[in-house]
Protein backbone atom coordinates (compact mmCIF):
# COMPACT_ATOMS: atom_id res chain seq x y z
CA MET A 1 -0.05 -0.02 0.15
CA SER A 2 1.46 3.41 -0.88
CA HIS A 3 1.44 6.52 1.05
CA VAL A 4 0.09 9.86 -0.34
CA PRO A 5 0.97 12.58 1.32
CA SER A 6 -1.68 14.99 2.31
CA ALA A 7 -2.02 18.56 0.81
CA PRO A 8 -0.26 21.24 2.86
CA ARG A 9 -2.39 23.25 4.99
CA PRO A 10 -2.83 26.87 3.47
CA ASP A 11 -1.52 28.51 6.56
CA PHE A 12 2.11 26.72 6.58
CA GLN A 13 4.97 26.61 3.87
CA THR A 14 5.78 22.76 4.65
CA ALA A 15 3.69 19.75 6.30
CA THR A 16 6.54 18.61 8.28
CA ASP A 17 6.19 17.63 12.12
CA ARG A 18 7.21 21.16 12.96
CA PRO A 19 5.29 23.45 10.73
CA VAL A 20 6.73 26.95 9.60
CA PRO A 21 4.40 30.02 9.82
CA THR A 22 3.94 31.96 6.24
CA ARG A 23 2.93 35.09 7.92
CA ILE A 24 5.22 36.91 10.46
CA PHE A 25 3.90 39.98 12.75
CA THR A 26 0.13 38.84 12.58
CA GLY A 27 -1.79 40.94 14.86
CA TRP A 28 0.80 43.34 15.03
CA PRO A 29 -0.59 46.78 14.03
CA LYS A 30 1.28 48.24 10.50
CA SER A 31 2.77 50.95 12.35
CA HIS A 32 4.69 48.82 14.70
CA VAL A 33 5.97 46.78 11.68
CA ILE A 34 6.98 49.84 9.95
CA LEU A 35 8.84 51.09 13.07
CA VAL A 36 10.82 47.55 13.39
CA ALA A 37 11.72 48.03 9.77
CA ILE A 38 13.06 51.59 10.46
CA LEU A 39 14.99 50.76 13.58
CA LEU A 40 16.52 47.35 11.69
CA LEU A 41 17.65 49.93 8.93
CA ALA A 42 19.20 52.39 11.11
CA LEU A 43 20.99 49.66 13.26
CA SER A 44 22.33 48.31 9.96
CA GLY A 45 23.73 51.64 9.12
CA CYS A 46 25.61 51.73 12.22
CA ALA A 47 27.49 48.70 11.84
CA SER A 48 30.44 50.35 10.10
CA GLY A 49 30.57 53.04 12.17
CA PRO A 50 33.78 54.44 13.94
CA LYS A 51 36.06 51.96 15.93
CA LEU A 52 36.88 53.11 18.92
CA ALA A 53 39.79 51.65 21.26
CA VAL A 54 40.26 52.96 25.06
CA GLU A 55 43.12 52.96 27.13
CA PRO A 56 42.18 53.73 30.80
CA VAL A 57 44.78 56.11 32.61
CA SER A 58 43.27 57.00 35.87
CA GLN A 59 41.84 54.61 38.69
CA ARG A 60 39.43 57.51 39.77
CA THR A 61 35.73 57.20 38.36
CA PHE A 62 33.48 60.00 37.50
CA ALA A 63 29.80 60.26 36.86
CA PRO A 64 28.70 60.18 32.96
CA VAL A 65 28.67 63.47 31.35
CA SER A 66 26.14 64.53 28.47
CA GLN A 67 28.18 67.45 27.30
CA VAL A 68 31.91 67.13 26.36
CA GLN A 69 34.14 69.92 25.41
CA THR A 70 36.87 69.50 22.69
CA LEU A 71 40.18 71.21 23.47
CA THR A 72 42.98 71.81 21.30
CA GLU A 73 45.53 71.82 24.27
CA ALA A 74 45.60 70.92 27.97
CA PRO A 75 43.61 73.38 30.30
CA SER A 76 45.56 75.86 32.77
CA THR A 77 43.54 74.78 35.48
CA PRO A 78 43.83 71.39 37.42
CA TYR A 79 42.36 67.99 35.87
CA THR A 80 42.44 64.52 35.81
CA VAL A 81 43.24 62.28 32.93
CA ILE A 82 40.86 59.63 32.84
CA ALA A 83 41.61 57.49 29.25
CA LYS A 84 43.22 58.17 26.25
CA ILE A 85 40.79 57.27 23.04
CA HIS A 86 41.61 56.30 19.71
CA ALA A 87 38.94 56.65 17.12
CA GLU A 88 39.18 55.80 13.34
CA ALA A 89 36.71 55.02 10.51
CA SER A 90 36.84 54.01 6.94
CA ALA A 91 37.63 56.49 3.96
CA GLY A 92 34.55 58.48 3.28
CA THR A 93 33.37 58.79 6.98
CA SER A 94 32.26 62.10 8.00
CA PRO A 95 35.00 63.31 10.42
CA ALA A 96 32.21 64.97 12.34
CA GLN A 97 30.74 61.35 12.87
CA VAL A 98 34.02 60.01 14.66
CA VAL A 99 34.65 62.89 16.83
CA SER A 100 30.99 62.54 17.87
CA ALA A 101 31.57 58.93 19.02
CA LEU A 102 34.76 59.73 20.54
CA LEU A 103 33.27 62.37 22.83
CA VAL A 104 30.24 60.15 23.52
CA LYS A 105 32.56 57.69 24.96
CA ALA A 106 34.60 60.26 26.70
CA GLY A 107 31.36 61.25 28.16
CA ALA A 108 30.17 57.81 29.30
CA LEU A 109 33.80 57.67 31.14
CA GLY A 110 33.15 60.71 33.14
CA ALA A 111 35.10 63.25 30.98
CA ASN A 112 33.86 66.80 30.74
CA ALA A 113 36.42 67.54 28.03
CA VAL A 114 38.53 65.98 25.64
CA ILE A 115 42.35 67.27 24.19
CA LEU A 116 41.87 66.21 20.53
CA HIS A 117 44.42 65.67 17.82
CA ASP A 118 43.38 65.02 14.27
CA GLU A 119 45.59 62.33 12.92
CA SER A 120 43.61 61.68 9.78
CA ARG A 121 45.37 60.53 6.56
CA THR A 122 44.39 61.29 2.99
CA LEU A 123 44.67 58.51 0.34
CA PRO A 124 45.74 59.81 -3.27
CA PRO A 125 43.66 59.73 -6.19
CA GLN A 126 43.32 56.26 -8.03
CA ILE A 127 42.79 54.63 -11.36
CA GLN A 128 40.49 51.66 -10.99
CA TYR A 129 39.78 49.28 -13.87
CA SER A 130 36.30 48.10 -14.18
CA PRO A 131 36.25 44.42 -15.80
CA SER A 132 32.68 44.52 -16.37
CA GLY A 133 32.71 47.41 -18.39
CA GLY A 134 36.31 47.01 -19.94
CA ASN A 135 37.00 50.76 -18.85
CA TYR A 136 39.11 52.90 -16.16
CA GLN A 137 37.39 55.09 -13.42
CA ASN A 138 39.41 57.92 -11.78
CA LEU A 139 38.65 57.68 -7.79
CA PRO A 140 39.39 60.83 -6.24
CA ALA A 141 41.71 61.34 -2.80
CA GLN A 142 40.07 60.14 0.20
CA THR A 143 40.56 61.02 3.90
CA ILE A 144 40.59 58.30 6.55
CA PRO A 145 39.35 60.11 9.66
CA ILE A 146 41.71 59.22 12.76
CA TYR A 147 41.43 61.17 15.74
CA GLU A 148 43.13 60.82 19.23
CA GLY A 149 41.75 62.19 22.40
CA ILE A 150 42.66 62.45 25.83
CA ALA A 151 39.74 62.37 27.92
CA ILE A 152 39.92 64.48 31.15
CA HIS A 153 37.51 65.61 33.89
CA ALA A 154 38.58 69.28 34.84
CA GLN A 155 37.62 71.35 37.73
CA ARG A 156 36.95 74.46 35.30
CA LEU A 157 37.03 74.45 31.78
CA PRO A 158 37.78 77.82 29.58
CA HIS A 159 34.52 79.13 27.91
């Protein structure tokens, strides 16, 4: 006697022991589904953000700070060095995005200022061959944003 499989149920993709639902997010309001999609897109954009390396210097801890001032040199008032922070991103990333990530990290460590040094490098223009089109393409010079910051907690900062 041969066994004939029954037709799959319309609400499932397969007729296995563990059926797989064909509809996801059933019962969710459309606005929630759209919000989840937007959040996933936003998070995927953050995946290639600036890379940060933190080297703690002080054993002292400070409460997190939401606003961190950037300085080009050490202040004349007393301060405590909290950490050294290296921030770097791929060519084409906005320098402001890299500096912002560095300042957020410094603030989380309790720094109210960062002595910031721009160590960005510029790649020369290049000529790239496109095998699919059989032609060459001129690529402009690109900057790799690299910043070194010394996260500090100062008693008073210059205005």
